[in-house]
Structures are given as C-alpha cells and as structure tokens.
Amino acid sequence: MKRRNLVKIAVSALLAIIMIAFIGCSTPAKAKTFEKAGMSIELTNEFTEKEMVQFTACYMSSTVIVTVLKEEFSLVQGFENYTLMQYAGLVIRNNQIDVTAQMSEDDKYAYFRYDKTVT
C-alpha cells in the first residue's frame, strides 16, 4: 500500500515537472529595447548584448545575430557626398556579403539584412 502511494506521488511529481517545463518553454518572447552609442533597437528578450571589438553593438539570440557599426562619414574624405544607400552598397561589396542582401531605407536610416549560416 505504501509503495503504491509512493509511485503515485513520484508520477504526479514527474508530471508536474514536465508541465512546468512545457509552460516555461512556450512563453512568448517579449519586446526589449537595447540602447548603445545614440542608437536604439527593439528586439526580444531572447537577445543578449555581447561585446565584439569590430562592432559598435552586437546582440545575439540562439539563432540570430544583429551587429551595428557606427561610422562617421566625415572620417573618410569623399564619403560626405554619399547617400546612406550608396554607403550600404559599399559595405556589402567590401565585406563580400552575399549579393542577395536586402537593402532598405526609411526617412532616417539605411540598413541591410542578409542570412548566413555560420558553422
């Protein structure tokens, strides 16, 4: 009789642990705003900020990396005449980024997105 109760308790505890784990894993990501060097970006709470020497900011999740590089056009002679989209094109070409990179622009920012598998 005691053994039967012990088995019931063990099974109940195991089911409770599985349910808690399932609920914890299925919690939707929440919006989170990151700020650095005068820039802000809204990602999710699945991202964490990482330090990478070559970038102004770097944010990583388990499947995505977002890198930010702030450069002043005035530092290189001739760049002050470039549009943001022209500059983005130069960055894509000079870094040998896949030509399928999607360049976008709004009234304030130019940016590009590309997918790359890293091994």
N, C-alpha and C. Protein backbone atom coordinates (compact mmCIF):
# COMPACT_ATOMS: atom_id res chain seq x y z
N MET A 1 0.81 -1.18 0.00
CA MET A 1 0.00 0.00 0.00
C MET A 1 0.87 1.27 0.00
N LYS A 2 1.89 1.30 0.87
CA LYS A 2 2.79 2.45 0.93
C LYS A 2 3.54 2.61 -0.39
N ARG A 3 3.94 1.49 -0.98
CA ARG A 3 4.67 1.54 -2.24
C ARG A 3 3.80 2.12 -3.35
N ARG A 4 2.54 1.76 -3.34
CA ARG A 4 1.61 2.26 -4.35
C ARG A 4 1.45 3.78 -4.21
N ASN A 5 1.34 4.28 -3.00
CA ASN A 5 1.24 5.72 -2.76
C ASN A 5 2.52 6.43 -3.18
N LEU A 6 3.64 5.81 -2.92
CA LEU A 6 4.93 6.38 -3.30
C LEU A 6 5.03 6.50 -4.82
N VAL A 7 4.58 5.50 -5.54
CA VAL A 7 4.59 5.53 -7.01
C VAL A 7 3.67 6.64 -7.51
N LYS A 8 2.48 6.78 -6.92
CA LYS A 8 1.56 7.84 -7.31
C LYS A 8 2.17 9.21 -7.11
N ILE A 9 2.83 9.39 -5.99
CA ILE A 9 3.47 10.68 -5.69
C ILE A 9 4.60 10.95 -6.69
N ALA A 10 5.40 9.95 -6.99
CA ALA A 10 6.51 10.11 -7.93
C ALA A 10 5.99 10.45 -9.32
N VAL A 11 4.97 9.76 -9.77
CA VAL A 11 4.39 10.03 -11.10
C VAL A 11 3.78 11.42 -11.13
N SER A 12 3.07 11.81 -10.09
CA SER A 12 2.47 13.15 -10.02
C SER A 12 3.56 14.23 -10.05
N ALA A 13 4.63 14.03 -9.31
CA ALA A 13 5.73 14.99 -9.30
C ALA A 13 6.37 15.10 -10.67
N LEU A 14 6.57 13.96 -11.33
CA LEU A 14 7.16 13.96 -12.67
C LEU A 14 6.27 14.70 -13.66
N LEU A 15 4.97 14.45 -13.61
CA LEU A 15 4.03 15.15 -14.48
C LEU A 15 4.05 16.66 -14.21
N ALA A 16 4.12 17.05 -12.95
CA ALA A 16 4.18 18.47 -12.60
C ALA A 16 5.43 19.12 -13.17
N ILE A 17 6.56 18.44 -13.06
CA ILE A 17 7.83 18.97 -13.60
C ILE A 17 7.74 19.12 -15.11
N ILE A 18 7.19 18.13 -15.80
CA ILE A 18 7.04 18.19 -17.26
C ILE A 18 6.13 19.35 -17.65
N MET A 19 5.03 19.54 -16.96
CA MET A 19 4.10 20.62 -17.26
C MET A 19 4.76 21.98 -17.03
N ILE A 20 5.50 22.13 -15.96
CA ILE A 20 6.19 23.40 -15.68
C ILE A 20 7.23 23.68 -16.76
N ALA A 21 7.97 22.66 -17.16
CA ALA A 21 8.97 22.83 -18.21
C ALA A 21 8.30 23.22 -19.52
N PHE A 22 7.18 22.59 -19.85
CA PHE A 22 6.47 22.88 -21.09
C PHE A 22 5.94 24.31 -21.08
N ILE A 23 5.37 24.74 -19.98
CA ILE A 23 4.84 26.10 -19.87
C ILE A 23 5.98 27.11 -19.97
N GLY A 24 7.10 26.82 -19.32
CA GLY A 24 8.25 27.72 -19.37
C GLY A 24 8.83 27.85 -20.76
N CYS A 25 8.83 26.77 -21.53
CA CYS A 25 9.38 26.79 -22.89
C CYS A 25 8.45 27.46 -23.88
N SER A 26 7.16 27.50 -23.59
CA SER A 26 6.21 28.04 -24.55
C SER A 26 5.86 29.50 -24.28
N THR A 27 6.54 30.14 -23.34
CA THR A 27 6.29 31.54 -23.05
C THR A 27 6.74 32.39 -24.24
N PRO A 28 5.86 33.22 -24.79
CA PRO A 28 6.25 34.02 -25.95
C PRO A 28 7.30 35.07 -25.58
N ALA A 29 8.14 35.39 -26.55
CA ALA A 29 9.17 36.40 -26.33
C ALA A 29 8.52 37.76 -26.17
N LYS A 30 9.11 38.59 -25.34
CA LYS A 30 8.60 39.94 -25.11
C LYS A 30 9.55 40.95 -25.73
N ALA A 31 9.01 42.06 -26.17
CA ALA A 31 9.82 43.12 -26.76
C ALA A 31 10.80 43.68 -25.74
N LYS A 32 12.00 43.96 -26.20
CA LYS A 32 13.03 44.54 -25.34
C LYS A 32 13.81 45.55 -26.17
N THR A 33 14.00 46.74 -25.64
CA THR A 33 14.74 47.78 -26.35
C THR A 33 16.17 47.84 -25.82
N PHE A 34 17.12 47.81 -26.74
CA PHE A 34 18.53 47.93 -26.42
C PHE A 34 18.99 49.30 -26.89
N GLU A 35 19.88 49.94 -26.12
CA GLU A 35 20.40 51.26 -26.49
C GLU A 35 21.92 51.26 -26.36
N LYS A 36 22.56 51.86 -27.36
CA LYS A 36 24.02 51.99 -27.32
C LYS A 36 24.46 53.03 -28.33
N ALA A 37 25.38 53.87 -27.96
CA ALA A 37 26.01 54.86 -28.82
C ALA A 37 25.01 55.72 -29.58
N GLY A 38 23.95 56.16 -28.89
CA GLY A 38 22.96 57.02 -29.52
C GLY A 38 21.96 56.30 -30.40
N MET A 39 21.97 54.99 -30.39
CA MET A 39 21.08 54.19 -31.21
C MET A 39 20.23 53.32 -30.32
N SER A 40 18.99 53.07 -30.73
CA SER A 40 18.18 52.10 -30.00
C SER A 40 17.56 51.15 -31.01
N ILE A 41 17.37 49.91 -30.57
CA ILE A 41 16.79 48.89 -31.43
C ILE A 41 15.88 48.02 -30.57
N GLU A 42 14.71 47.70 -31.11
CA GLU A 42 13.78 46.84 -30.38
C GLU A 42 13.89 45.43 -30.93
N LEU A 43 14.27 44.53 -30.06
CA LEU A 43 14.36 43.11 -30.40
C LEU A 43 13.43 42.37 -29.43
N THR A 44 13.79 41.19 -29.01
CA THR A 44 13.01 40.48 -28.00
C THR A 44 13.91 40.17 -26.81
N ASN A 45 13.28 39.70 -25.75
CA ASN A 45 14.06 39.36 -24.56
C ASN A 45 14.89 38.08 -24.75
N GLU A 46 14.80 37.47 -25.93
CA GLU A 46 15.64 36.32 -26.24
C GLU A 46 17.06 36.76 -26.63
N PHE A 47 17.26 38.05 -26.86
CA PHE A 47 18.56 38.58 -27.24
C PHE A 47 19.33 39.05 -26.01
N THR A 48 20.65 38.92 -26.10
CA THR A 48 21.53 39.47 -25.07
C THR A 48 22.60 40.30 -25.78
N GLU A 49 23.08 41.31 -25.10
CA GLU A 49 24.13 42.15 -25.67
C GLU A 49 25.48 41.47 -25.46
N LYS A 50 26.28 41.43 -26.50
CA LYS A 50 27.62 40.85 -26.45
C LYS A 50 28.62 41.91 -26.91
N GLU A 51 29.83 41.79 -26.46
CA GLU A 51 30.90 42.69 -26.90
C GLU A 51 31.67 42.05 -28.05
N MET A 52 31.77 42.77 -29.15
CA MET A 52 32.59 42.35 -30.29
C MET A 52 33.39 43.57 -30.69
N VAL A 53 34.70 43.47 -30.65
CA VAL A 53 35.58 44.62 -30.84
C VAL A 53 35.29 45.37 -32.14
N GLN A 54 34.99 44.67 -33.22
CA GLN A 54 34.83 45.31 -34.52
C GLN A 54 33.49 46.00 -34.72
N PHE A 55 32.55 45.87 -33.77
CA PHE A 55 31.23 46.47 -33.93
C PHE A 55 30.90 47.40 -32.77
N THR A 56 30.07 48.40 -33.05
CA THR A 56 29.61 49.31 -32.02
C THR A 56 28.70 48.58 -31.04
N ALA A 57 27.85 47.70 -31.57
CA ALA A 57 26.95 46.92 -30.72
C ALA A 57 26.73 45.56 -31.37
N CYS A 58 26.44 44.58 -30.54
CA CYS A 58 26.18 43.23 -31.02
C CYS A 58 25.14 42.60 -30.10
N TYR A 59 24.09 42.03 -30.71
CA TYR A 59 23.02 41.39 -29.96
C TYR A 59 22.82 39.99 -30.52
N MET A 60 22.75 39.01 -29.63
CA MET A 60 22.65 37.62 -30.06
C MET A 60 21.47 36.91 -29.40
N SER A 61 20.83 36.04 -30.19
CA SER A 61 19.88 35.08 -29.66
C SER A 61 20.43 33.71 -30.03
N SER A 62 19.68 32.67 -29.80
CA SER A 62 20.18 31.34 -30.13
C SER A 62 20.24 31.10 -31.64
N THR A 63 19.53 31.91 -32.43
CA THR A 63 19.52 31.69 -33.88
C THR A 63 19.86 32.91 -34.72
N VAL A 64 19.98 34.09 -34.10
CA VAL A 64 20.18 35.32 -34.86
C VAL A 64 21.26 36.18 -34.21
N ILE A 65 22.00 36.90 -35.04
CA ILE A 65 22.95 37.89 -34.53
C ILE A 65 22.67 39.21 -35.24
N VAL A 66 22.63 40.29 -34.48
CA VAL A 66 22.44 41.63 -35.03
C VAL A 66 23.70 42.41 -34.68
N THR A 67 24.37 42.94 -35.70
CA THR A 67 25.57 43.73 -35.46
C THR A 67 25.33 45.16 -35.93
N VAL A 68 25.94 46.10 -35.24
CA VAL A 68 25.79 47.52 -35.55
C VAL A 68 27.18 48.13 -35.61
N LEU A 69 27.42 48.90 -36.66
CA LEU A 69 28.69 49.60 -36.79
C LEU A 69 28.39 51.06 -37.07
N LYS A 70 28.78 51.92 -36.15
CA LYS A 70 28.57 53.36 -36.32
C LYS A 70 29.85 53.96 -36.87
N GLU A 71 29.72 54.59 -38.03
CA GLU A 71 30.87 55.23 -38.66
C GLU A 71 30.48 56.65 -39.06
N GLU A 72 31.40 57.55 -38.89
CA GLU A 72 31.16 58.93 -39.29
C GLU A 72 31.62 59.11 -40.73
N PHE A 73 30.72 59.64 -41.56
CA PHE A 73 31.09 59.88 -42.96
C PHE A 73 32.24 60.87 -43.07
N SER A 74 32.33 61.79 -42.11
CA SER A 74 33.35 62.83 -42.18
C SER A 74 34.77 62.29 -41.96
N LEU A 75 34.89 61.05 -41.51
CA LEU A 75 36.22 60.49 -41.24
C LEU A 75 36.97 60.11 -42.51
N VAL A 76 36.25 59.87 -43.59
CA VAL A 76 36.89 59.47 -44.85
C VAL A 76 36.54 60.51 -45.91
N GLN A 77 37.57 61.08 -46.50
CA GLN A 77 37.37 62.12 -47.49
C GLN A 77 36.56 61.57 -48.68
N GLY A 78 35.54 62.33 -49.07
CA GLY A 78 34.70 61.93 -50.19
C GLY A 78 33.41 61.26 -49.76
N PHE A 79 33.37 60.68 -48.58
CA PHE A 79 32.15 59.99 -48.14
C PHE A 79 31.01 60.95 -47.80
N GLU A 80 31.33 62.21 -47.52
CA GLU A 80 30.27 63.15 -47.16
C GLU A 80 29.28 63.35 -48.31
N ASN A 81 29.66 62.99 -49.54
CA ASN A 81 28.78 63.13 -50.69
C ASN A 81 27.97 61.87 -50.98
N TYR A 82 28.20 60.80 -50.26
CA TYR A 82 27.50 59.53 -50.48
C TYR A 82 26.14 59.56 -49.79
N THR A 83 25.16 58.91 -50.41
CA THR A 83 23.88 58.69 -49.72
C THR A 83 24.07 57.48 -48.80
N LEU A 84 23.14 57.30 -47.87
CA LEU A 84 23.23 56.15 -46.99
C LEU A 84 23.14 54.84 -47.77
N MET A 85 22.30 54.80 -48.79
CA MET A 85 22.16 53.58 -49.60
C MET A 85 23.44 53.30 -50.39
N GLN A 86 24.10 54.33 -50.90
CA GLN A 86 25.38 54.13 -51.60
C GLN A 86 26.41 53.57 -50.63
N TYR A 87 26.44 54.14 -49.43
CA TYR A 87 27.39 53.66 -48.43
C TYR A 87 27.08 52.21 -48.04
N ALA A 88 25.80 51.88 -47.85
CA ALA A 88 25.43 50.50 -47.52
C ALA A 88 25.89 49.55 -48.63
N GLY A 89 25.74 49.96 -49.88
CA GLY A 89 26.22 49.15 -51.01
C GLY A 89 27.73 48.92 -50.94
N LEU A 90 28.47 49.96 -50.56
CA LEU A 90 29.93 49.81 -50.41
C LEU A 90 30.27 48.82 -49.29
N VAL A 91 29.55 48.91 -48.19
CA VAL A 91 29.80 48.00 -47.07
C VAL A 91 29.53 46.56 -47.51
N ILE A 92 28.44 46.33 -48.22
CA ILE A 92 28.11 44.99 -48.71
C ILE A 92 29.21 44.48 -49.62
N ARG A 93 29.64 45.30 -50.57
CA ARG A 93 30.68 44.88 -51.52
C ARG A 93 32.03 44.65 -50.83
N ASN A 94 32.44 45.60 -49.98
CA ASN A 94 33.76 45.50 -49.35
C ASN A 94 33.87 44.35 -48.35
N ASN A 95 32.74 43.92 -47.80
CA ASN A 95 32.75 42.82 -46.85
C ASN A 95 32.35 41.49 -47.50
N GLN A 96 32.24 41.51 -48.81
CA GLN A 96 31.91 40.31 -49.59
C GLN A 96 30.66 39.61 -49.03
N ILE A 97 29.65 40.43 -48.76
CA ILE A 97 28.38 39.90 -48.27
C ILE A 97 27.57 39.44 -49.48
N ASP A 98 26.84 38.38 -49.30
CA ASP A 98 26.02 37.81 -50.36
C ASP A 98 25.24 38.90 -51.10
N VAL A 99 25.23 38.81 -52.41
CA VAL A 99 24.57 39.83 -53.22
C VAL A 99 23.06 39.86 -53.03
N THR A 100 22.50 38.89 -52.33
CA THR A 100 21.06 38.89 -52.08
C THR A 100 20.70 39.72 -50.85
N ALA A 101 21.67 40.43 -50.29
CA ALA A 101 21.39 41.28 -49.13
C ALA A 101 20.26 42.24 -49.47
N GLN A 102 19.30 42.37 -48.59
CA GLN A 102 18.16 43.24 -48.81
C GLN A 102 18.44 44.60 -48.20
N MET A 103 18.64 45.60 -49.06
CA MET A 103 18.88 46.95 -48.57
C MET A 103 17.53 47.66 -48.43
N SER A 104 17.37 48.37 -47.33
CA SER A 104 16.13 49.10 -47.07
C SER A 104 16.47 50.48 -46.54
N GLU A 105 15.50 51.37 -46.64
CA GLU A 105 15.73 52.74 -46.19
C GLU A 105 14.40 53.33 -45.76
N ASP A 106 14.44 54.09 -44.68
CA ASP A 106 13.28 54.88 -44.31
C ASP A 106 13.74 56.33 -44.24
N ASP A 107 12.98 57.18 -43.64
CA ASP A 107 13.35 58.60 -43.64
C ASP A 107 14.55 58.92 -42.76
N LYS A 108 15.00 57.98 -41.94
CA LYS A 108 16.13 58.24 -41.05
C LYS A 108 17.31 57.30 -41.23
N TYR A 109 17.04 56.05 -41.61
CA TYR A 109 18.10 55.05 -41.57
C TYR A 109 18.19 54.26 -42.88
N ALA A 110 19.38 53.79 -43.14
CA ALA A 110 19.60 52.81 -44.21
C ALA A 110 20.15 51.57 -43.53
N TYR A 111 19.70 50.43 -43.95
CA TYR A 111 20.18 49.20 -43.34
C TYR A 111 20.05 48.07 -44.36
N PHE A 112 20.73 46.98 -44.06
CA PHE A 112 20.58 45.81 -44.92
C PHE A 112 20.52 44.57 -44.08
N ARG A 113 19.88 43.58 -44.65
CA ARG A 113 19.70 42.30 -43.97
C ARG A 113 20.15 41.21 -44.91
N TYR A 114 20.86 40.25 -44.35
CA TYR A 114 21.22 39.07 -45.13
C TYR A 114 21.29 37.89 -44.19
N ASP A 115 21.09 36.72 -44.76
CA ASP A 115 21.13 35.49 -43.98
C ASP A 115 22.41 34.74 -44.31
N LYS A 116 23.05 34.22 -43.29
CA LYS A 116 24.29 33.48 -43.48
C LYS A 116 24.36 32.37 -42.43
N THR A 117 24.71 31.20 -42.85
CA THR A 117 24.87 30.09 -41.94
C THR A 117 26.32 30.05 -41.49
N VAL A 118 26.53 30.06 -40.20
CA VAL A 118 27.87 30.03 -39.63
C VAL A 118 28.08 28.68 -38.99
N THR A 119 29.21 28.07 -39.31
CA THR A 119 29.49 26.75 -38.72
C THR A 119 30.64 26.82 -37.76
